[in-house]
Amino acid sequence: MASPTLLTPTSQPKPLPALKPKSTTSTFTVKASYDSVAGTPQWQRRQLLSLVAATLSPAWLFPVSPVFAADDEEYVKETEEVINKVRTTINMDKNDPNVATAVAELRDTSNTWVAKYRREKALLGRASFRDIYSALNAVSGHYISFGPTAPIPAKRKARILEEVETAEKALSRGR
């Protein structure tokens, strides 16, 4: 039960000021301008610009085809570079002073590769793309979570190297 001090105020309550009611209905007026000579409606600037933009849009002038990041040869070459960088970085000794720089280079390379090829609808179904993407995700996740000098556990390292090998095989077969 509430305390009696909360129910009985110590001072006289002040009346609240009257609120002005807001209008719940709004009126919109549409102004149409008419040509005084012909009696026909004139084009408003917005309508005219919309018509001109739709008529002269680049889609009509130049047929738009999907822009592909690269052809197959470039994809194969860059994916092989990423695979080699993953292998060399993972197989580095944990006491090597260049591990942190190699991990930073791998992150830059993998971010560039993923940003370039993730948008490609034609590559998303490829086995090589799927496997290398998974391997890059595992490597990046490890180094982000544990730091660039932390060694990758043997089980994770074996899985990453297996994914890299299957990606390389699929890449050589054109998949």
N, C-alpha and C. Protein backbone atom coordinates (compact mmCIF):
# COMPACT_ATOMS: atom_id res chain seq x y z
N MET A 1 0.84 -1.17 0.00
CA MET A 1 0.00 0.00 0.00
C MET A 1 0.88 1.23 0.00
N ALA A 2 0.44 2.27 -0.64
CA ALA A 2 1.22 3.48 -0.76
C ALA A 2 1.25 4.22 0.56
N SER A 3 2.30 4.94 0.80
CA SER A 3 2.40 5.71 2.05
C SER A 3 1.48 6.92 1.98
N PRO A 4 0.97 7.39 3.14
CA PRO A 4 0.02 8.51 3.13
C PRO A 4 0.65 9.81 2.66
N THR A 5 1.98 9.93 2.71
CA THR A 5 2.60 11.18 2.25
C THR A 5 2.51 11.32 0.75
N LEU A 6 2.46 10.21 0.05
CA LEU A 6 2.36 10.30 -1.39
C LEU A 6 0.94 10.64 -1.84
N LEU A 7 -0.03 10.28 -1.02
CA LEU A 7 -1.41 10.52 -1.41
C LEU A 7 -1.89 11.92 -1.06
N THR A 8 -1.34 12.52 -0.04
CA THR A 8 -1.78 13.86 0.36
C THR A 8 -0.67 14.85 0.06
N PRO A 9 -0.92 15.76 -0.85
CA PRO A 9 0.12 16.74 -1.18
C PRO A 9 0.29 17.75 -0.07
N THR A 10 1.50 18.26 0.06
CA THR A 10 1.78 19.23 1.10
C THR A 10 1.46 20.65 0.67
N SER A 11 1.31 20.87 -0.58
CA SER A 11 0.98 22.21 -1.07
C SER A 11 -0.28 22.13 -1.92
N GLN A 12 -0.83 23.29 -2.21
CA GLN A 12 -2.03 23.35 -3.03
C GLN A 12 -1.65 23.07 -4.49
N PRO A 13 -2.40 22.19 -5.13
CA PRO A 13 -2.10 21.93 -6.54
C PRO A 13 -2.48 23.14 -7.39
N LYS A 14 -1.62 23.40 -8.37
CA LYS A 14 -1.88 24.51 -9.29
C LYS A 14 -2.64 23.97 -10.49
N PRO A 15 -3.60 24.75 -10.98
CA PRO A 15 -4.32 24.28 -12.17
C PRO A 15 -3.40 24.30 -13.39
N LEU A 16 -3.58 23.32 -14.23
CA LEU A 16 -2.79 23.23 -15.45
C LEU A 16 -3.28 24.24 -16.47
N PRO A 17 -2.36 24.83 -17.23
CA PRO A 17 -2.81 25.78 -18.26
C PRO A 17 -3.59 25.05 -19.34
N ALA A 18 -4.50 25.75 -19.93
CA ALA A 18 -5.33 25.17 -20.97
C ALA A 18 -4.48 24.94 -22.22
N LEU A 19 -4.66 23.80 -22.81
CA LEU A 19 -3.94 23.46 -24.03
C LEU A 19 -4.77 23.84 -25.24
N LYS A 20 -4.08 24.34 -26.24
CA LYS A 20 -4.77 24.66 -27.48
C LYS A 20 -4.86 23.38 -28.30
N PRO A 21 -6.04 23.03 -28.74
CA PRO A 21 -6.16 21.78 -29.51
C PRO A 21 -5.51 21.96 -30.88
N LYS A 22 -4.83 20.91 -31.28
CA LYS A 22 -4.22 20.91 -32.61
C LYS A 22 -5.24 20.41 -33.61
N SER A 23 -5.13 20.93 -34.79
CA SER A 23 -6.05 20.51 -35.84
C SER A 23 -5.68 19.10 -36.27
N THR A 24 -6.63 18.22 -36.29
CA THR A 24 -6.35 16.84 -36.69
C THR A 24 -6.51 16.65 -38.18
N THR A 25 -7.14 17.58 -38.83
CA THR A 25 -7.28 17.47 -40.27
C THR A 25 -6.40 18.52 -40.90
N SER A 26 -5.80 18.13 -41.98
CA SER A 26 -4.97 19.08 -42.70
C SER A 26 -5.50 19.19 -44.12
N THR A 27 -5.34 20.34 -44.66
CA THR A 27 -5.82 20.56 -46.01
C THR A 27 -4.65 20.77 -46.92
N PHE A 28 -4.73 20.17 -48.06
CA PHE A 28 -3.70 20.34 -49.08
C PHE A 28 -4.34 21.01 -50.27
N THR A 29 -3.65 21.94 -50.79
CA THR A 29 -4.17 22.59 -51.99
C THR A 29 -3.19 22.35 -53.11
N VAL A 30 -3.72 22.04 -54.21
CA VAL A 30 -2.91 21.81 -55.39
C VAL A 30 -3.18 22.97 -56.34
N LYS A 31 -2.11 23.63 -56.64
CA LYS A 31 -2.26 24.76 -57.54
C LYS A 31 -1.84 24.33 -58.95
N ALA A 32 -2.71 24.48 -59.83
CA ALA A 32 -2.41 24.18 -61.22
C ALA A 32 -2.35 25.50 -61.96
N SER A 33 -1.31 25.67 -62.70
CA SER A 33 -1.22 26.89 -63.49
C SER A 33 -1.70 26.59 -64.90
N TYR A 34 -2.47 27.49 -65.43
CA TYR A 34 -3.03 27.31 -66.75
C TYR A 34 -2.49 28.38 -67.69
N ASP A 35 -2.31 27.94 -68.91
CA ASP A 35 -1.92 28.88 -69.95
C ASP A 35 -3.14 29.74 -70.25
N SER A 36 -2.95 31.02 -70.16
CA SER A 36 -4.09 31.92 -70.32
C SER A 36 -4.61 31.92 -71.75
N VAL A 37 -3.79 31.62 -72.72
CA VAL A 37 -4.25 31.66 -74.10
C VAL A 37 -4.98 30.38 -74.48
N ALA A 38 -4.35 29.23 -74.25
CA ALA A 38 -4.93 27.97 -74.72
C ALA A 38 -5.83 27.33 -73.68
N GLY A 39 -5.72 27.70 -72.43
CA GLY A 39 -6.54 27.11 -71.39
C GLY A 39 -6.08 25.71 -71.00
N THR A 40 -4.84 25.34 -71.30
CA THR A 40 -4.31 24.02 -70.95
C THR A 40 -3.34 24.16 -69.78
N PRO A 41 -3.20 23.14 -68.96
CA PRO A 41 -2.28 23.24 -67.83
C PRO A 41 -0.83 23.32 -68.31
N GLN A 42 -0.06 24.16 -67.67
CA GLN A 42 1.36 24.26 -67.98
C GLN A 42 2.13 23.23 -67.17
N TRP A 43 3.28 22.83 -67.68
CA TRP A 43 4.12 21.88 -66.98
C TRP A 43 4.79 22.56 -65.80
N GLN A 44 4.72 21.92 -64.69
CA GLN A 44 5.46 22.41 -63.54
C GLN A 44 6.94 22.04 -63.72
N ARG A 45 7.80 22.77 -63.10
CA ARG A 45 9.24 22.56 -63.25
C ARG A 45 9.62 21.13 -62.83
N ARG A 46 9.08 20.65 -61.73
CA ARG A 46 9.42 19.31 -61.23
C ARG A 46 8.99 18.23 -62.21
N GLN A 47 7.79 18.39 -62.78
CA GLN A 47 7.31 17.41 -63.74
C GLN A 47 8.17 17.42 -65.00
N LEU A 48 8.55 18.58 -65.43
CA LEU A 48 9.37 18.69 -66.63
C LEU A 48 10.74 18.07 -66.41
N LEU A 49 11.34 18.36 -65.27
CA LEU A 49 12.66 17.79 -64.99
C LEU A 49 12.58 16.27 -64.84
N SER A 50 11.52 15.76 -64.27
CA SER A 50 11.34 14.31 -64.14
C SER A 50 11.22 13.66 -65.51
N LEU A 51 10.47 14.30 -66.37
CA LEU A 51 10.30 13.76 -67.72
C LEU A 51 11.62 13.78 -68.48
N VAL A 52 12.35 14.88 -68.39
CA VAL A 52 13.63 14.98 -69.09
C VAL A 52 14.62 13.98 -68.53
N ALA A 53 14.66 13.83 -67.21
CA ALA A 53 15.60 12.88 -66.59
C ALA A 53 15.27 11.45 -66.99
N ALA A 54 13.99 11.13 -67.05
CA ALA A 54 13.61 9.77 -67.44
C ALA A 54 13.91 9.50 -68.90
N THR A 55 13.72 10.52 -69.73
CA THR A 55 13.95 10.35 -71.15
C THR A 55 15.43 10.25 -71.48
N LEU A 56 16.22 11.08 -70.84
CA LEU A 56 17.65 11.14 -71.16
C LEU A 56 18.52 10.40 -70.16
N SER A 57 17.96 9.48 -69.41
CA SER A 57 18.76 8.76 -68.43
C SER A 57 19.77 7.87 -69.14
N PRO A 58 20.89 7.63 -68.52
CA PRO A 58 21.92 6.80 -69.14
C PRO A 58 21.43 5.38 -69.42
N ALA A 59 20.41 4.92 -68.71
CA ALA A 59 19.90 3.58 -68.99
C ALA A 59 19.30 3.49 -70.38
N TRP A 60 18.73 4.58 -70.85
CA TRP A 60 18.17 4.58 -72.20
C TRP A 60 19.24 4.84 -73.24
N LEU A 61 20.17 5.72 -72.93
CA LEU A 61 21.20 6.06 -73.90
C LEU A 61 22.25 4.96 -74.04
N PHE A 62 22.66 4.41 -72.92
CA PHE A 62 23.69 3.38 -72.91
C PHE A 62 23.14 2.18 -72.15
N PRO A 63 22.95 1.07 -72.81
CA PRO A 63 22.46 -0.10 -72.09
C PRO A 63 23.44 -0.48 -70.98
N VAL A 64 22.92 -0.66 -69.81
CA VAL A 64 23.77 -0.95 -68.67
C VAL A 64 23.90 -2.45 -68.52
N SER A 65 25.12 -2.91 -68.54
CA SER A 65 25.38 -4.32 -68.27
C SER A 65 26.05 -4.41 -66.92
N PRO A 66 25.90 -5.51 -66.23
CA PRO A 66 26.52 -5.61 -64.93
C PRO A 66 28.03 -5.47 -65.03
N VAL A 67 28.59 -4.70 -64.15
CA VAL A 67 30.03 -4.46 -64.18
C VAL A 67 30.68 -5.57 -63.38
N PHE A 68 31.52 -6.32 -64.04
CA PHE A 68 32.21 -7.40 -63.37
C PHE A 68 33.55 -6.89 -62.88
N ALA A 69 33.96 -7.36 -61.71
CA ALA A 69 35.21 -6.89 -61.12
C ALA A 69 36.39 -7.30 -61.99
N ALA A 70 36.31 -8.44 -62.54
CA ALA A 70 37.43 -8.90 -63.35
C ALA A 70 37.02 -10.13 -64.12
N ASP A 71 37.87 -10.49 -65.06
CA ASP A 71 37.62 -11.72 -65.79
C ASP A 71 38.19 -12.89 -65.00
N ASP A 72 38.05 -14.08 -65.56
CA ASP A 72 38.49 -15.28 -64.86
C ASP A 72 39.99 -15.30 -64.60
N GLU A 73 40.76 -14.83 -65.55
CA GLU A 73 42.22 -14.88 -65.38
C GLU A 73 42.66 -14.02 -64.19
N GLU A 74 42.07 -12.86 -64.06
CA GLU A 74 42.43 -11.99 -62.94
C GLU A 74 41.98 -12.59 -61.62
N TYR A 75 40.80 -13.20 -61.61
CA TYR A 75 40.31 -13.85 -60.40
C TYR A 75 41.24 -14.99 -59.99
N VAL A 76 41.63 -15.80 -60.94
CA VAL A 76 42.51 -16.93 -60.64
C VAL A 76 43.85 -16.44 -60.12
N LYS A 77 44.40 -15.41 -60.77
CA LYS A 77 45.71 -14.90 -60.35
C LYS A 77 45.66 -14.31 -58.94
N GLU A 78 44.67 -13.49 -58.68
CA GLU A 78 44.57 -12.86 -57.36
C GLU A 78 44.24 -13.88 -56.27
N THR A 79 43.43 -14.87 -56.59
CA THR A 79 43.10 -15.90 -55.61
C THR A 79 44.33 -16.74 -55.29
N GLU A 80 45.15 -17.05 -56.28
CA GLU A 80 46.39 -17.79 -56.02
C GLU A 80 47.34 -16.97 -55.15
N GLU A 81 47.39 -15.66 -55.37
CA GLU A 81 48.23 -14.81 -54.52
C GLU A 81 47.74 -14.84 -53.08
N VAL A 82 46.43 -14.78 -52.89
CA VAL A 82 45.86 -14.82 -51.54
C VAL A 82 46.16 -16.16 -50.90
N ILE A 83 46.03 -17.24 -51.65
CA ILE A 83 46.31 -18.58 -51.12
C ILE A 83 47.76 -18.68 -50.66
N ASN A 84 48.68 -18.19 -51.49
CA ASN A 84 50.10 -18.24 -51.12
C ASN A 84 50.38 -17.41 -49.88
N LYS A 85 49.75 -16.25 -49.79
CA LYS A 85 49.96 -15.39 -48.62
C LYS A 85 49.39 -16.03 -47.35
N VAL A 86 48.25 -16.71 -47.47
CA VAL A 86 47.67 -17.40 -46.32
C VAL A 86 48.62 -18.50 -45.85
N ARG A 87 49.12 -19.28 -46.81
CA ARG A 87 50.03 -20.38 -46.45
C ARG A 87 51.30 -19.87 -45.77
N THR A 88 51.91 -18.86 -46.34
CA THR A 88 53.17 -18.36 -45.76
C THR A 88 52.94 -17.74 -44.39
N THR A 89 51.84 -17.04 -44.23
CA THR A 89 51.56 -16.39 -42.94
C THR A 89 51.25 -17.42 -41.87
N ILE A 90 50.46 -18.42 -42.21
CA ILE A 90 50.09 -19.44 -41.22
C ILE A 90 51.30 -20.28 -40.82
N ASN A 91 52.17 -20.55 -41.75
CA ASN A 91 53.32 -21.43 -41.48
C ASN A 91 54.52 -20.70 -40.89
N MET A 92 54.39 -19.42 -40.61
CA MET A 92 55.51 -18.69 -40.01
C MET A 92 55.71 -19.13 -38.56
N ASP A 93 56.94 -19.10 -38.12
CA ASP A 93 57.26 -19.43 -36.74
C ASP A 93 56.73 -18.34 -35.82
N LYS A 94 56.24 -18.72 -34.64
CA LYS A 94 55.66 -17.74 -33.74
C LYS A 94 56.71 -16.77 -33.18
N ASN A 95 57.99 -17.15 -33.23
CA ASN A 95 59.07 -16.28 -32.74
C ASN A 95 59.64 -15.37 -33.83
N ASP A 96 59.15 -15.51 -35.04
CA ASP A 96 59.62 -14.68 -36.15
C ASP A 96 59.21 -13.23 -35.91
N PRO A 97 60.14 -12.28 -36.01
CA PRO A 97 59.78 -10.87 -35.76
C PRO A 97 58.88 -10.26 -36.84
N ASN A 98 58.74 -10.92 -37.97
CA ASN A 98 57.95 -10.37 -39.08
C ASN A 98 56.51 -10.88 -39.09
N VAL A 99 56.11 -11.61 -38.05
CA VAL A 99 54.76 -12.18 -38.03
C VAL A 99 53.70 -11.08 -38.05
N ALA A 100 53.87 -10.05 -37.25
CA ALA A 100 52.86 -8.98 -37.16
C ALA A 100 52.70 -8.27 -38.50
N THR A 101 53.79 -7.99 -39.18
CA THR A 101 53.69 -7.32 -40.48
C THR A 101 53.08 -8.25 -41.53
N ALA A 102 53.42 -9.54 -41.46
CA ALA A 102 52.83 -10.49 -42.41
C ALA A 102 51.33 -10.62 -42.19
N VAL A 103 50.90 -10.61 -40.94
CA VAL A 103 49.46 -10.69 -40.64
C VAL A 103 48.76 -9.43 -41.12
N ALA A 104 49.38 -8.27 -40.94
CA ALA A 104 48.79 -7.01 -41.41
C ALA A 104 48.66 -7.02 -42.93
N GLU A 105 49.69 -7.51 -43.62
CA GLU A 105 49.62 -7.60 -45.09
C GLU A 105 48.54 -8.59 -45.52
N LEU A 106 48.44 -9.71 -44.80
CA LEU A 106 47.40 -10.69 -45.12
C LEU A 106 46.01 -10.10 -44.93
N ARG A 107 45.82 -9.35 -43.86
CA ARG A 107 44.51 -8.72 -43.64
C ARG A 107 44.18 -7.74 -44.75
N ASP A 108 45.16 -6.92 -45.15
CA ASP A 108 44.91 -5.98 -46.25
C ASP A 108 44.58 -6.71 -47.54
N THR A 109 45.36 -7.73 -47.84
CA THR A 109 45.13 -8.50 -49.06
C THR A 109 43.77 -9.19 -49.04
N SER A 110 43.45 -9.81 -47.90
CA SER A 110 42.17 -10.53 -47.83
C SER A 110 40.99 -9.56 -47.87
N ASN A 111 41.11 -8.40 -47.21
CA ASN A 111 40.02 -7.42 -47.27
C ASN A 111 39.81 -6.92 -48.68
N THR A 112 40.89 -6.68 -49.39
CA THR A 112 40.79 -6.22 -50.78
C THR A 112 40.14 -7.29 -51.65
N TRP A 113 40.58 -8.54 -51.48
CA TRP A 113 40.06 -9.64 -52.28
C TRP A 113 38.57 -9.84 -52.02
N VAL A 114 38.19 -9.84 -50.75
CA VAL A 114 36.78 -10.05 -50.39
C VAL A 114 35.93 -8.89 -50.89
N ALA A 115 36.41 -7.67 -50.73
CA ALA A 115 35.64 -6.51 -51.19
C ALA A 115 35.46 -6.53 -52.71
N LYS A 116 36.42 -7.04 -53.41
CA LYS A 116 36.35 -7.05 -54.87
C LYS A 116 35.44 -8.15 -55.40
N TYR A 117 35.53 -9.33 -54.81
CA TYR A 117 34.83 -10.48 -55.40
C TYR A 117 33.55 -10.89 -54.68
N ARG A 118 33.26 -10.34 -53.53
CA ARG A 118 32.05 -10.73 -52.81
C ARG A 118 30.79 -10.29 -53.55
N ARG A 119 30.86 -9.21 -54.31
CA ARG A 119 29.69 -8.69 -55.03
C ARG A 119 29.42 -9.41 -56.33
N GLU A 120 30.32 -10.27 -56.74
CA GLU A 120 30.18 -10.94 -58.03
C GLU A 120 29.24 -12.13 -57.92
N LYS A 121 28.09 -12.01 -58.54
CA LYS A 121 27.10 -13.09 -58.50
C LYS A 121 27.62 -14.35 -59.17
N ALA A 122 28.42 -14.20 -60.21
CA ALA A 122 28.93 -15.36 -60.94
C ALA A 122 29.94 -16.15 -60.10
N LEU A 123 30.62 -15.49 -59.18
CA LEU A 123 31.64 -16.17 -58.38
C LEU A 123 31.11 -16.77 -57.10
N LEU A 124 29.95 -16.31 -56.64
CA LEU A 124 29.43 -16.76 -55.36
C LEU A 124 29.16 -18.26 -55.31
N GLY A 125 28.84 -18.86 -56.43
CA GLY A 125 28.55 -20.29 -56.45
C GLY A 125 29.77 -21.16 -56.65
N ARG A 126 30.90 -20.56 -56.91
CA ARG A 126 32.10 -21.35 -57.16
C ARG A 126 32.64 -21.97 -55.88
N ALA A 127 33.13 -23.18 -56.02
CA ALA A 127 33.71 -23.87 -54.87
C ALA A 127 34.99 -23.18 -54.41
N SER A 128 35.77 -22.67 -55.34
CA SER A 128 37.02 -22.01 -54.96
C SER A 128 36.73 -20.75 -54.15
N PHE A 129 35.73 -19.99 -54.55
CA PHE A 129 35.38 -18.77 -53.81
C PHE A 129 34.89 -19.12 -52.42
N ARG A 130 34.02 -20.11 -52.32
CA ARG A 130 33.45 -20.49 -51.03
C ARG A 130 34.55 -20.95 -50.06
N ASP A 131 35.46 -21.78 -50.55
CA ASP A 131 36.50 -22.33 -49.67
C ASP A 131 37.51 -21.27 -49.25
N ILE A 132 37.94 -20.44 -50.18
CA ILE A 132 38.94 -19.42 -49.80
C ILE A 132 38.30 -18.36 -48.92
N TYR A 133 37.03 -18.06 -49.14
CA TYR A 133 36.33 -17.10 -48.28
C TYR A 133 36.23 -17.64 -46.86
N SER A 134 35.93 -18.92 -46.74
CA SER A 134 35.85 -19.54 -45.42
C SER A 134 37.21 -19.55 -44.73
N ALA A 135 38.25 -19.86 -45.47
CA ALA A 135 39.60 -19.87 -44.90
C ALA A 135 40.01 -18.46 -44.46
N LEU A 136 39.74 -17.47 -45.28
CA LEU A 136 40.08 -16.09 -44.91
C LEU A 136 39.30 -15.64 -43.69
N ASN A 137 38.05 -16.06 -43.60
CA ASN A 137 37.23 -15.71 -42.45
C ASN A 137 37.81 -16.33 -41.18
N ALA A 138 38.25 -17.57 -41.26
CA ALA A 138 38.82 -18.24 -40.09
C ALA A 138 40.14 -17.59 -39.67
N VAL A 139 40.99 -17.28 -40.64
CA VAL A 139 42.28 -16.66 -40.33
C VAL A 139 42.07 -15.27 -39.74
N SER A 140 41.24 -14.48 -40.38
CA SER A 140 41.00 -13.11 -39.89
C SER A 140 40.36 -13.13 -38.51
N GLY A 141 39.41 -14.02 -38.32
CA GLY A 141 38.76 -14.12 -37.02
C GLY A 141 39.74 -14.49 -35.92
N HIS A 142 40.67 -15.40 -36.22
CA HIS A 142 41.67 -15.79 -35.22
C HIS A 142 42.55 -14.61 -34.85
N TYR A 143 43.09 -13.94 -35.86
CA TYR A 143 44.03 -12.85 -35.58
C TYR A 143 43.33 -11.64 -34.96
N ILE A 144 42.07 -11.42 -35.28
CA ILE A 144 41.33 -10.32 -34.66
C ILE A 144 41.07 -10.64 -33.18
N SER A 145 40.72 -11.89 -32.91
CA SER A 145 40.39 -12.27 -31.54
C SER A 145 41.61 -12.39 -30.64
N PHE A 146 42.69 -12.97 -31.16
CA PHE A 146 43.83 -13.30 -30.31
C PHE A 146 45.08 -12.47 -30.57
N GLY A 147 45.03 -11.59 -31.55
CA GLY A 147 46.19 -10.75 -31.84
C GLY A 147 47.04 -11.32 -32.95
N PRO A 148 47.87 -10.48 -33.57
CA PRO A 148 48.63 -10.92 -34.74
C PRO A 148 49.79 -11.85 -34.41
N THR A 149 50.20 -11.92 -33.17
CA THR A 149 51.34 -12.78 -32.84
C THR A 149 50.91 -14.10 -32.23
N ALA A 150 49.63 -14.30 -32.00
CA ALA A 150 49.15 -15.56 -31.41
C ALA A 150 49.19 -16.67 -32.45
N PRO A 151 49.78 -17.80 -32.11
CA PRO A 151 49.82 -18.91 -33.07
C PRO A 151 48.44 -19.52 -33.26
N ILE A 152 48.20 -20.01 -34.45
CA ILE A 152 46.92 -20.65 -34.75
C ILE A 152 46.97 -22.09 -34.22
N PRO A 153 45.95 -22.54 -33.49
CA PRO A 153 45.95 -23.92 -32.98
C PRO A 153 46.03 -24.93 -34.13
N ALA A 154 46.59 -26.07 -33.82
CA ALA A 154 46.86 -27.09 -34.85
C ALA A 154 45.59 -27.54 -35.56
N LYS A 155 44.51 -27.72 -34.82
CA LYS A 155 43.26 -28.18 -35.42
C LYS A 155 42.71 -27.14 -36.40
N ARG A 156 42.72 -25.88 -36.00
CA ARG A 156 42.23 -24.80 -36.86
C ARG A 156 43.16 -24.63 -38.06
N LYS A 157 44.45 -24.73 -37.81
CA LYS A 157 45.44 -24.59 -38.89
C LYS A 157 45.24 -25.68 -39.94
N ALA A 158 45.00 -26.93 -39.49
CA ALA A 158 44.78 -28.03 -40.42
C ALA A 158 43.52 -27.79 -41.25
N ARG A 159 42.45 -27.29 -40.60
CA ARG A 159 41.21 -27.03 -41.33
C ARG A 159 41.40 -25.92 -42.36
N ILE A 160 42.12 -24.87 -41.97
CA ILE A 160 42.36 -23.76 -42.90
C ILE A 160 43.19 -24.23 -44.09
N LEU A 161 44.25 -24.99 -43.82
CA LEU A 161 45.09 -25.49 -44.91
C LEU A 161 44.31 -26.45 -45.81
N GLU A 162 43.42 -27.24 -45.24
CA GLU A 162 42.58 -28.13 -46.05
C GLU A 162 41.65 -27.32 -46.96
N GLU A 163 41.04 -26.27 -46.41
CA GLU A 163 40.18 -25.42 -47.23
C GLU A 163 40.96 -24.73 -48.34
N VAL A 164 42.17 -24.31 -48.02
CA VAL A 164 43.01 -23.66 -49.03
C VAL A 164 43.37 -24.65 -50.14
N GLU A 165 43.69 -25.89 -49.76
CA GLU A 165 44.01 -26.90 -50.77
C GLU A 165 42.82 -27.22 -51.66
N THR A 166 41.63 -27.38 -51.07
CA THR A 166 40.45 -27.65 -51.90
C THR A 166 40.11 -26.45 -52.77
N ALA A 167 40.34 -25.25 -52.27
CA ALA A 167 40.10 -24.06 -53.10
C ALA A 167 41.08 -24.03 -54.27
N GLU A 168 42.30 -24.39 -54.00
CA GLU A 168 43.32 -24.40 -55.08
C GLU A 168 42.99 -25.46 -56.12
N LYS A 169 42.53 -26.64 -55.70
CA LYS A 169 42.12 -27.68 -56.64
C LYS A 169 40.93 -27.22 -57.48
N ALA A 170 39.95 -26.64 -56.82
CA ALA A 170 38.77 -26.16 -57.54
C ALA A 170 39.16 -25.04 -58.50
N LEU A 171 40.10 -24.21 -58.10
CA LEU A 171 40.55 -23.12 -58.96
C LEU A 171 41.25 -23.66 -60.20
N SER A 172 42.04 -24.70 -60.03
CA SER A 172 42.74 -25.29 -61.18
C SER A 172 41.76 -25.99 -62.15
N ARG A 173 40.61 -26.43 -61.62
CA ARG A 173 39.60 -27.06 -62.47
C ARG A 173 38.61 -26.04 -63.06
N GLY A 174 38.79 -24.78 -62.71
CA GLY A 174 37.90 -23.76 -63.25
C GLY A 174 36.61 -23.61 -62.48
N ARG A 175 36.61 -24.07 -61.27
CA ARG A 175 35.40 -23.97 -60.45
C ARG A 175 35.52 -22.89 -59.43
